Amino acid sequence: MLRLQLHTSSTEETEAAGAALAHRMIDEGLPHFVALYGDLGVGKTAFVRGFASVICPGAAVRSPTFSLVYEHRGKPFDLFHFDMYRIESEDDLYSIGYDDYLDRGVCLVEWSEHIPYALPAHRIAVTIKKDDFSRPDSREITVEELEVPLC
């Protein structure tokens, strides 16, 4: 099971961490669902941008806050980038067709803490935190593969 503790000091390093996870997903057959956790402005979208640079080179990755999901065509997988910040219920998830995306490619989901009831049991969890407020780009990133038993 994958478990990494990383430190980044710039947006570029956070993007590189995302790219490294994408390479490992391809090479090691990791789960195709990445649940991203972290406060506003910690670098979740930068991480996704780095990930997408491997799967969908040239994709214009931006925060999907108002669209809720962006679809990017890629190789070897398509990438679906979600933002669950505004999701308040299972009905909201149903209305965007969330379940239909789960087996169609790789899903990267920002604000996963808003939908704990809808996360797959086998997934990658990425938690990003600011770790030094005197250095605004300093981040601690935890990446771990989870296999959570379903009740």
N, C-alpha and C. Protein backbone atom coordinates (compact mmCIF):
# COMPACT_ATOMS: atom_id res chain seq x y z
N MET A 1 0.84 -1.18 0.00
CA MET A 1 0.00 0.00 0.00
C MET A 1 0.89 1.24 0.00
N LEU A 2 0.51 2.18 -0.83
CA LEU A 2 1.25 3.42 -0.99
C LEU A 2 1.04 4.36 0.19
N ARG A 3 2.13 4.92 0.72
CA ARG A 3 2.05 5.97 1.74
C ARG A 3 3.29 6.84 1.60
N LEU A 4 3.07 8.13 1.28
CA LEU A 4 4.17 9.07 1.08
C LEU A 4 3.91 10.33 1.89
N GLN A 5 4.97 10.90 2.43
CA GLN A 5 4.93 12.19 3.10
C GLN A 5 5.89 13.08 2.33
N LEU A 6 5.38 14.16 1.72
CA LEU A 6 6.18 15.03 0.88
C LEU A 6 6.18 16.45 1.42
N HIS A 7 7.22 17.20 1.07
CA HIS A 7 7.26 18.62 1.38
C HIS A 7 7.54 19.36 0.08
N THR A 8 6.76 20.37 -0.21
CA THR A 8 7.01 21.20 -1.39
C THR A 8 7.17 22.65 -0.96
N SER A 9 7.95 23.38 -1.74
CA SER A 9 8.24 24.78 -1.41
C SER A 9 7.79 25.75 -2.49
N SER A 10 7.11 25.23 -3.53
CA SER A 10 6.66 26.10 -4.61
C SER A 10 5.50 25.44 -5.33
N THR A 11 4.80 26.24 -6.11
CA THR A 11 3.71 25.69 -6.93
C THR A 11 4.26 24.64 -7.89
N GLU A 12 5.42 24.89 -8.46
CA GLU A 12 6.02 23.94 -9.40
C GLU A 12 6.32 22.60 -8.72
N GLU A 13 6.79 22.63 -7.48
CA GLU A 13 7.06 21.38 -6.76
C GLU A 13 5.76 20.64 -6.43
N THR A 14 4.69 21.39 -6.12
CA THR A 14 3.39 20.77 -5.87
C THR A 14 2.88 20.12 -7.15
N GLU A 15 3.04 20.79 -8.29
CA GLU A 15 2.67 20.20 -9.57
C GLU A 15 3.50 18.95 -9.85
N ALA A 16 4.79 18.99 -9.53
CA ALA A 16 5.66 17.82 -9.74
C ALA A 16 5.21 16.64 -8.89
N ALA A 17 4.72 16.91 -7.68
CA ALA A 17 4.20 15.84 -6.83
C ALA A 17 2.97 15.19 -7.48
N GLY A 18 2.11 16.00 -8.07
CA GLY A 18 0.96 15.46 -8.79
C GLY A 18 1.38 14.63 -9.98
N ALA A 19 2.38 15.11 -10.73
CA ALA A 19 2.88 14.36 -11.89
C ALA A 19 3.48 13.02 -11.45
N ALA A 20 4.20 13.03 -10.34
CA ALA A 20 4.79 11.79 -9.83
C ALA A 20 3.71 10.76 -9.48
N LEU A 21 2.61 11.22 -8.89
CA LEU A 21 1.52 10.29 -8.58
C LEU A 21 0.92 9.72 -9.86
N ALA A 22 0.75 10.53 -10.88
CA ALA A 22 0.20 10.05 -12.15
C ALA A 22 1.10 8.96 -12.74
N HIS A 23 2.41 9.17 -12.71
CA HIS A 23 3.34 8.15 -13.22
C HIS A 23 3.21 6.86 -12.42
N ARG A 24 3.10 6.98 -11.10
CA ARG A 24 2.96 5.78 -10.28
C ARG A 24 1.64 5.07 -10.55
N MET A 25 0.58 5.84 -10.80
CA MET A 25 -0.71 5.23 -11.11
C MET A 25 -0.60 4.39 -12.38
N ILE A 26 0.05 4.94 -13.38
CA ILE A 26 0.23 4.22 -14.65
C ILE A 26 1.11 2.99 -14.44
N ASP A 27 2.23 3.17 -13.77
CA ASP A 27 3.22 2.10 -13.62
C ASP A 27 2.83 1.02 -12.63
N GLU A 28 2.11 1.39 -11.58
CA GLU A 28 1.84 0.46 -10.49
C GLU A 28 0.38 0.03 -10.38
N GLY A 29 -0.47 0.55 -11.25
CA GLY A 29 -1.88 0.16 -11.22
C GLY A 29 -2.61 0.61 -9.97
N LEU A 30 -2.31 1.81 -9.51
CA LEU A 30 -3.00 2.35 -8.34
C LEU A 30 -4.46 2.63 -8.66
N PRO A 31 -5.31 2.77 -7.63
CA PRO A 31 -6.72 3.08 -7.86
C PRO A 31 -6.89 4.35 -8.69
N HIS A 32 -7.94 4.39 -9.49
CA HIS A 32 -8.21 5.50 -10.39
C HIS A 32 -9.11 6.56 -9.77
N PHE A 33 -9.04 6.67 -8.47
CA PHE A 33 -9.80 7.69 -7.76
C PHE A 33 -8.87 8.36 -6.77
N VAL A 34 -8.76 9.69 -6.88
CA VAL A 34 -7.90 10.46 -5.98
C VAL A 34 -8.78 11.48 -5.24
N ALA A 35 -8.90 11.28 -3.93
CA ALA A 35 -9.67 12.19 -3.08
C ALA A 35 -8.70 13.22 -2.52
N LEU A 36 -8.95 14.50 -2.85
CA LEU A 36 -8.08 15.58 -2.40
C LEU A 36 -8.73 16.31 -1.23
N TYR A 37 -7.90 16.56 -0.20
CA TYR A 37 -8.34 17.23 1.01
C TYR A 37 -7.43 18.42 1.28
N GLY A 38 -8.00 19.48 1.81
CA GLY A 38 -7.20 20.64 2.19
C GLY A 38 -8.02 21.91 2.13
N ASP A 39 -7.56 22.88 2.88
CA ASP A 39 -8.25 24.17 2.94
C ASP A 39 -8.16 24.92 1.61
N LEU A 40 -8.91 25.98 1.53
CA LEU A 40 -8.90 26.86 0.38
C LEU A 40 -7.49 27.41 0.16
N GLY A 41 -7.00 27.31 -1.06
CA GLY A 41 -5.71 27.90 -1.42
C GLY A 41 -4.48 27.11 -1.04
N VAL A 42 -4.62 25.83 -0.69
CA VAL A 42 -3.44 25.06 -0.30
C VAL A 42 -2.69 24.43 -1.47
N GLY A 43 -3.30 24.41 -2.65
CA GLY A 43 -2.61 23.86 -3.81
C GLY A 43 -3.22 22.61 -4.42
N LYS A 44 -4.49 22.35 -4.11
CA LYS A 44 -5.14 21.15 -4.67
C LYS A 44 -5.19 21.22 -6.19
N THR A 45 -5.55 22.37 -6.74
CA THR A 45 -5.63 22.50 -8.20
C THR A 45 -4.23 22.42 -8.83
N ALA A 46 -3.22 22.95 -8.16
CA ALA A 46 -1.84 22.82 -8.67
C ALA A 46 -1.43 21.36 -8.73
N PHE A 47 -1.79 20.58 -7.71
CA PHE A 47 -1.51 19.15 -7.69
C PHE A 47 -2.19 18.47 -8.88
N VAL A 48 -3.46 18.81 -9.10
CA VAL A 48 -4.22 18.23 -10.22
C VAL A 48 -3.57 18.64 -11.55
N ARG A 49 -3.13 19.89 -11.67
CA ARG A 49 -2.49 20.37 -12.89
C ARG A 49 -1.25 19.52 -13.21
N GLY A 50 -0.46 19.21 -12.19
CA GLY A 50 0.70 18.36 -12.39
C GLY A 50 0.31 16.95 -12.80
N PHE A 51 -0.70 16.40 -12.15
CA PHE A 51 -1.20 15.06 -12.48
C PHE A 51 -1.65 15.04 -13.94
N ALA A 52 -2.43 16.03 -14.33
CA ALA A 52 -2.97 16.10 -15.69
C ALA A 52 -1.87 16.26 -16.73
N SER A 53 -0.76 16.87 -16.37
CA SER A 53 0.33 17.06 -17.34
C SER A 53 0.87 15.73 -17.84
N VAL A 54 0.69 14.67 -17.07
CA VAL A 54 1.13 13.33 -17.46
C VAL A 54 0.04 12.60 -18.24
N ILE A 55 -1.18 12.66 -17.75
CA ILE A 55 -2.30 11.92 -18.35
C ILE A 55 -2.87 12.64 -19.57
N CYS A 56 -2.95 13.96 -19.50
CA CYS A 56 -3.57 14.78 -20.55
C CYS A 56 -2.66 15.99 -20.85
N PRO A 57 -1.50 15.76 -21.43
CA PRO A 57 -0.59 16.89 -21.69
C PRO A 57 -1.30 18.01 -22.44
N GLY A 58 -1.06 19.23 -21.99
CA GLY A 58 -1.65 20.40 -22.65
C GLY A 58 -3.03 20.76 -22.15
N ALA A 59 -3.59 19.96 -21.23
CA ALA A 59 -4.93 20.27 -20.70
C ALA A 59 -4.88 21.57 -19.90
N ALA A 60 -5.88 22.40 -20.09
CA ALA A 60 -5.99 23.65 -19.34
C ALA A 60 -6.73 23.36 -18.04
N VAL A 61 -5.98 23.08 -16.99
CA VAL A 61 -6.58 22.72 -15.71
C VAL A 61 -6.78 23.97 -14.87
N ARG A 62 -8.02 24.15 -14.45
CA ARG A 62 -8.35 25.24 -13.53
C ARG A 62 -9.38 24.71 -12.55
N SER A 63 -9.60 25.43 -11.50
CA SER A 63 -10.52 24.98 -10.47
C SER A 63 -11.94 24.88 -11.05
N PRO A 64 -12.59 23.72 -10.87
CA PRO A 64 -13.95 23.56 -11.41
C PRO A 64 -15.05 24.01 -10.46
N THR A 65 -14.77 24.98 -9.62
CA THR A 65 -15.72 25.41 -8.59
C THR A 65 -17.11 25.69 -9.16
N PHE A 66 -17.20 26.38 -10.27
CA PHE A 66 -18.51 26.75 -10.79
C PHE A 66 -19.05 25.74 -11.80
N SER A 67 -18.18 24.93 -12.40
CA SER A 67 -18.63 23.91 -13.34
C SER A 67 -18.84 22.56 -12.66
N LEU A 68 -18.25 22.38 -11.49
CA LEU A 68 -18.28 21.16 -10.69
C LEU A 68 -17.43 20.03 -11.25
N VAL A 69 -17.36 19.89 -12.58
CA VAL A 69 -16.50 18.86 -13.17
C VAL A 69 -15.97 19.34 -14.52
N TYR A 70 -14.69 19.09 -14.74
CA TYR A 70 -14.06 19.30 -16.05
C TYR A 70 -13.62 17.94 -16.56
N GLU A 71 -13.88 17.70 -17.83
CA GLU A 71 -13.47 16.46 -18.47
C GLU A 71 -12.27 16.75 -19.37
N HIS A 72 -11.23 15.92 -19.23
CA HIS A 72 -10.03 16.05 -20.07
C HIS A 72 -9.77 14.70 -20.72
N ARG A 73 -9.64 14.69 -22.03
CA ARG A 73 -9.33 13.46 -22.75
C ARG A 73 -7.84 13.21 -22.68
N GLY A 74 -7.47 11.98 -22.37
CA GLY A 74 -6.06 11.68 -22.22
C GLY A 74 -5.71 10.25 -22.54
N LYS A 75 -4.43 9.95 -22.37
CA LYS A 75 -3.92 8.60 -22.59
C LYS A 75 -2.99 8.28 -21.43
N PRO A 76 -3.11 7.18 -20.84
CA PRO A 76 -3.96 6.05 -21.19
C PRO A 76 -5.38 6.14 -20.64
N PHE A 77 -5.68 7.23 -19.91
CA PHE A 77 -7.01 7.38 -19.29
C PHE A 77 -7.55 8.77 -19.56
N ASP A 78 -8.87 8.89 -19.54
CA ASP A 78 -9.49 10.21 -19.47
C ASP A 78 -9.44 10.65 -18.01
N LEU A 79 -9.47 11.96 -17.80
CA LEU A 79 -9.37 12.51 -16.46
C LEU A 79 -10.61 13.37 -16.18
N PHE A 80 -11.20 13.17 -15.01
CA PHE A 80 -12.37 13.92 -14.60
C PHE A 80 -12.02 14.64 -13.30
N HIS A 81 -12.04 15.96 -13.35
CA HIS A 81 -11.61 16.81 -12.23
C HIS A 81 -12.85 17.46 -11.61
N PHE A 82 -13.16 17.04 -10.39
CA PHE A 82 -14.35 17.50 -9.68
C PHE A 82 -13.99 18.49 -8.58
N ASP A 83 -14.94 19.36 -8.27
CA ASP A 83 -14.85 20.23 -7.10
C ASP A 83 -16.16 20.08 -6.35
N MET A 84 -16.09 19.53 -5.13
CA MET A 84 -17.29 19.24 -4.34
C MET A 84 -17.59 20.33 -3.31
N TYR A 85 -16.95 21.48 -3.43
CA TYR A 85 -17.12 22.54 -2.44
C TYR A 85 -18.59 22.94 -2.28
N ARG A 86 -19.32 23.00 -3.37
CA ARG A 86 -20.71 23.46 -3.33
C ARG A 86 -21.73 22.31 -3.24
N ILE A 87 -21.25 21.08 -3.19
CA ILE A 87 -22.16 19.94 -3.09
C ILE A 87 -22.69 19.83 -1.66
N GLU A 88 -24.01 19.76 -1.54
CA GLU A 88 -24.63 19.73 -0.21
C GLU A 88 -25.43 18.46 0.06
N SER A 89 -25.65 17.64 -0.98
CA SER A 89 -26.47 16.45 -0.76
C SER A 89 -26.19 15.40 -1.83
N GLU A 90 -26.71 14.22 -1.59
CA GLU A 90 -26.60 13.15 -2.59
C GLU A 90 -27.35 13.53 -3.87
N ASP A 91 -28.42 14.29 -3.73
CA ASP A 91 -29.15 14.75 -4.92
C ASP A 91 -28.27 15.64 -5.79
N ASP A 92 -27.45 16.48 -5.17
CA ASP A 92 -26.52 17.32 -5.94
C ASP A 92 -25.55 16.45 -6.73
N LEU A 93 -25.03 15.40 -6.09
CA LEU A 93 -24.11 14.49 -6.79
C LEU A 93 -24.80 13.80 -7.95
N TYR A 94 -26.01 13.33 -7.70
CA TYR A 94 -26.78 12.65 -8.74
C TYR A 94 -27.01 13.58 -9.93
N SER A 95 -27.27 14.85 -9.67
CA SER A 95 -27.59 15.79 -10.75
C SER A 95 -26.40 16.06 -11.67
N ILE A 96 -25.18 15.86 -11.19
CA ILE A 96 -24.02 16.05 -12.07
C ILE A 96 -23.54 14.74 -12.69
N GLY A 97 -24.23 13.63 -12.38
CA GLY A 97 -23.87 12.34 -12.96
C GLY A 97 -22.60 11.74 -12.37
N TYR A 98 -22.30 12.08 -11.13
CA TYR A 98 -21.07 11.65 -10.47
C TYR A 98 -20.82 10.14 -10.63
N ASP A 99 -21.80 9.31 -10.34
CA ASP A 99 -21.61 7.86 -10.40
C ASP A 99 -21.22 7.38 -11.79
N ASP A 100 -21.68 8.07 -12.81
CA ASP A 100 -21.37 7.67 -14.18
C ASP A 100 -19.90 7.86 -14.53
N TYR A 101 -19.20 8.71 -13.81
CA TYR A 101 -17.78 8.98 -14.09
C TYR A 101 -16.84 7.96 -13.46
N LEU A 102 -17.28 7.29 -12.41
CA LEU A 102 -16.38 6.50 -11.58
C LEU A 102 -15.64 5.39 -12.31
N ASP A 103 -16.20 4.82 -13.34
CA ASP A 103 -15.55 3.73 -14.07
C ASP A 103 -15.10 4.13 -15.47
N ARG A 104 -15.08 5.43 -15.76
CA ARG A 104 -14.76 5.88 -17.12
C ARG A 104 -13.35 6.41 -17.28
N GLY A 105 -12.61 6.55 -16.20
CA GLY A 105 -11.27 7.11 -16.27
C GLY A 105 -10.75 7.35 -14.88
N VAL A 106 -9.93 8.37 -14.73
CA VAL A 106 -9.38 8.74 -13.43
C VAL A 106 -10.17 9.92 -12.91
N CYS A 107 -10.62 9.83 -11.67
CA CYS A 107 -11.34 10.92 -11.02
C CYS A 107 -10.44 11.55 -9.97
N LEU A 108 -10.27 12.86 -10.07
CA LEU A 108 -9.59 13.64 -9.03
C LEU A 108 -10.64 14.56 -8.43
N VAL A 109 -10.86 14.45 -7.13
CA VAL A 109 -11.99 15.13 -6.50
C VAL A 109 -11.50 16.07 -5.39
N GLU A 110 -11.58 17.37 -5.66
CA GLU A 110 -11.26 18.36 -4.65
C GLU A 110 -12.42 18.46 -3.67
N TRP A 111 -12.10 18.79 -2.44
CA TRP A 111 -13.08 18.93 -1.36
C TRP A 111 -13.82 17.62 -1.10
N SER A 112 -13.09 16.52 -1.10
CA SER A 112 -13.68 15.19 -0.86
C SER A 112 -14.31 15.07 0.52
N GLU A 113 -13.88 15.92 1.46
CA GLU A 113 -14.47 15.88 2.79
C GLU A 113 -15.96 16.22 2.77
N HIS A 114 -16.44 16.80 1.68
CA HIS A 114 -17.86 17.14 1.57
C HIS A 114 -18.72 15.94 1.15
N ILE A 115 -18.08 14.86 0.68
CA ILE A 115 -18.85 13.70 0.20
C ILE A 115 -18.30 12.38 0.75
N PRO A 116 -18.06 12.26 2.04
CA PRO A 116 -17.46 11.02 2.55
C PRO A 116 -18.30 9.78 2.23
N TYR A 117 -19.59 9.94 2.14
CA TYR A 117 -20.52 8.83 1.86
C TYR A 117 -20.44 8.35 0.41
N ALA A 118 -19.78 9.09 -0.47
CA ALA A 118 -19.78 8.75 -1.89
C ALA A 118 -18.40 8.39 -2.42
N LEU A 119 -17.43 8.22 -1.53
CA LEU A 119 -16.07 7.89 -1.97
C LEU A 119 -15.92 6.38 -2.13
N PRO A 120 -15.21 5.95 -3.17
CA PRO A 120 -14.99 4.51 -3.34
C PRO A 120 -14.14 3.95 -2.18
N ALA A 121 -14.34 2.70 -1.87
CA ALA A 121 -13.60 2.07 -0.78
C ALA A 121 -12.10 2.05 -1.08
N HIS A 122 -11.73 1.75 -2.31
CA HIS A 122 -10.31 1.69 -2.69
C HIS A 122 -9.98 2.97 -3.44
N ARG A 123 -9.10 3.79 -2.84
CA ARG A 123 -8.81 5.10 -3.40
C ARG A 123 -7.45 5.59 -2.92
N ILE A 124 -7.02 6.67 -3.53
CA ILE A 124 -5.84 7.40 -3.08
C ILE A 124 -6.35 8.66 -2.37
N ALA A 125 -5.85 8.93 -1.18
CA ALA A 125 -6.19 10.15 -0.45
C ALA A 125 -4.96 11.06 -0.46
N VAL A 126 -5.16 12.31 -0.87
CA VAL A 126 -4.09 13.30 -0.89
C VAL A 126 -4.52 14.45 0.01
N THR A 127 -3.76 14.68 1.07
CA THR A 127 -4.04 15.78 1.99
C THR A 127 -2.92 16.80 1.86
N ILE A 128 -3.31 18.05 1.61
CA ILE A 128 -2.34 19.12 1.43
C ILE A 128 -2.59 20.16 2.53
N LYS A 129 -1.50 20.52 3.22
CA LYS A 129 -1.59 21.51 4.29
C LYS A 129 -0.44 22.50 4.16
N LYS A 130 -0.73 23.75 4.49
CA LYS A 130 0.35 24.73 4.64
C LYS A 130 1.10 24.35 5.92
N ASP A 131 2.43 24.31 5.84
CA ASP A 131 3.17 23.87 7.01
C ASP A 131 4.12 24.91 7.60
N ASP A 132 4.23 26.07 6.94
CA ASP A 132 5.10 27.13 7.46
C ASP A 132 4.53 28.46 6.99
N PHE A 133 3.82 29.14 7.87
CA PHE A 133 3.12 30.35 7.45
C PHE A 133 4.06 31.51 7.14
N SER A 134 5.34 31.38 7.51
CA SER A 134 6.31 32.41 7.13
C SER A 134 6.78 32.23 5.69
N ARG A 135 6.49 31.04 5.11
CA ARG A 135 6.80 30.76 3.70
C ARG A 135 5.50 30.34 3.02
N PRO A 136 4.85 31.24 2.31
CA PRO A 136 3.50 31.00 1.80
C PRO A 136 3.36 29.80 0.86
N ASP A 137 4.43 29.37 0.21
CA ASP A 137 4.32 28.24 -0.73
C ASP A 137 4.76 26.91 -0.12
N SER A 138 5.06 26.89 1.16
CA SER A 138 5.52 25.68 1.82
C SER A 138 4.32 24.78 2.14
N ARG A 139 4.39 23.53 1.69
CA ARG A 139 3.28 22.58 1.85
C ARG A 139 3.77 21.24 2.37
N GLU A 140 2.91 20.59 3.14
CA GLU A 140 3.10 19.19 3.52
C GLU A 140 2.01 18.41 2.77
N ILE A 141 2.43 17.40 2.03
CA ILE A 141 1.49 16.61 1.23
C ILE A 141 1.59 15.16 1.67
N THR A 142 0.47 14.60 2.05
CA THR A 142 0.40 13.17 2.41
C THR A 142 -0.39 12.47 1.31
N VAL A 143 0.19 11.40 0.79
CA VAL A 143 -0.45 10.60 -0.25
C VAL A 143 -0.54 9.18 0.28
N GLU A 144 -1.76 8.64 0.35
CA GLU A 144 -1.88 7.26 0.83
C GLU A 144 -2.99 6.52 0.12
N GLU A 145 -2.71 5.27 -0.14
CA GLU A 145 -3.70 4.38 -0.73
C GLU A 145 -4.56 3.83 0.40
N LEU A 146 -5.87 3.92 0.23
CA LEU A 146 -6.80 3.45 1.25
C LEU A 146 -7.65 2.32 0.70
N GLU A 147 -7.94 1.37 1.57
CA GLU A 147 -8.91 0.30 1.27
C GLU A 147 -9.82 0.29 2.48
N VAL A 148 -10.93 1.02 2.39
CA VAL A 148 -11.84 1.20 3.51
C VAL A 148 -12.98 0.19 3.38
N PRO A 149 -13.17 -0.65 4.40
CA PRO A 149 -14.27 -1.62 4.32
C PRO A 149 -15.62 -0.90 4.27
N LEU A 150 -16.49 -1.35 3.39
CA LEU A 150 -17.83 -0.79 3.29
C LEU A 150 -18.73 -1.43 4.32
N CYS A 151 -19.53 -0.66 4.99
CA CYS A 151 -20.44 -1.17 6.02
C CYS A 151 -21.73 -1.66 5.42
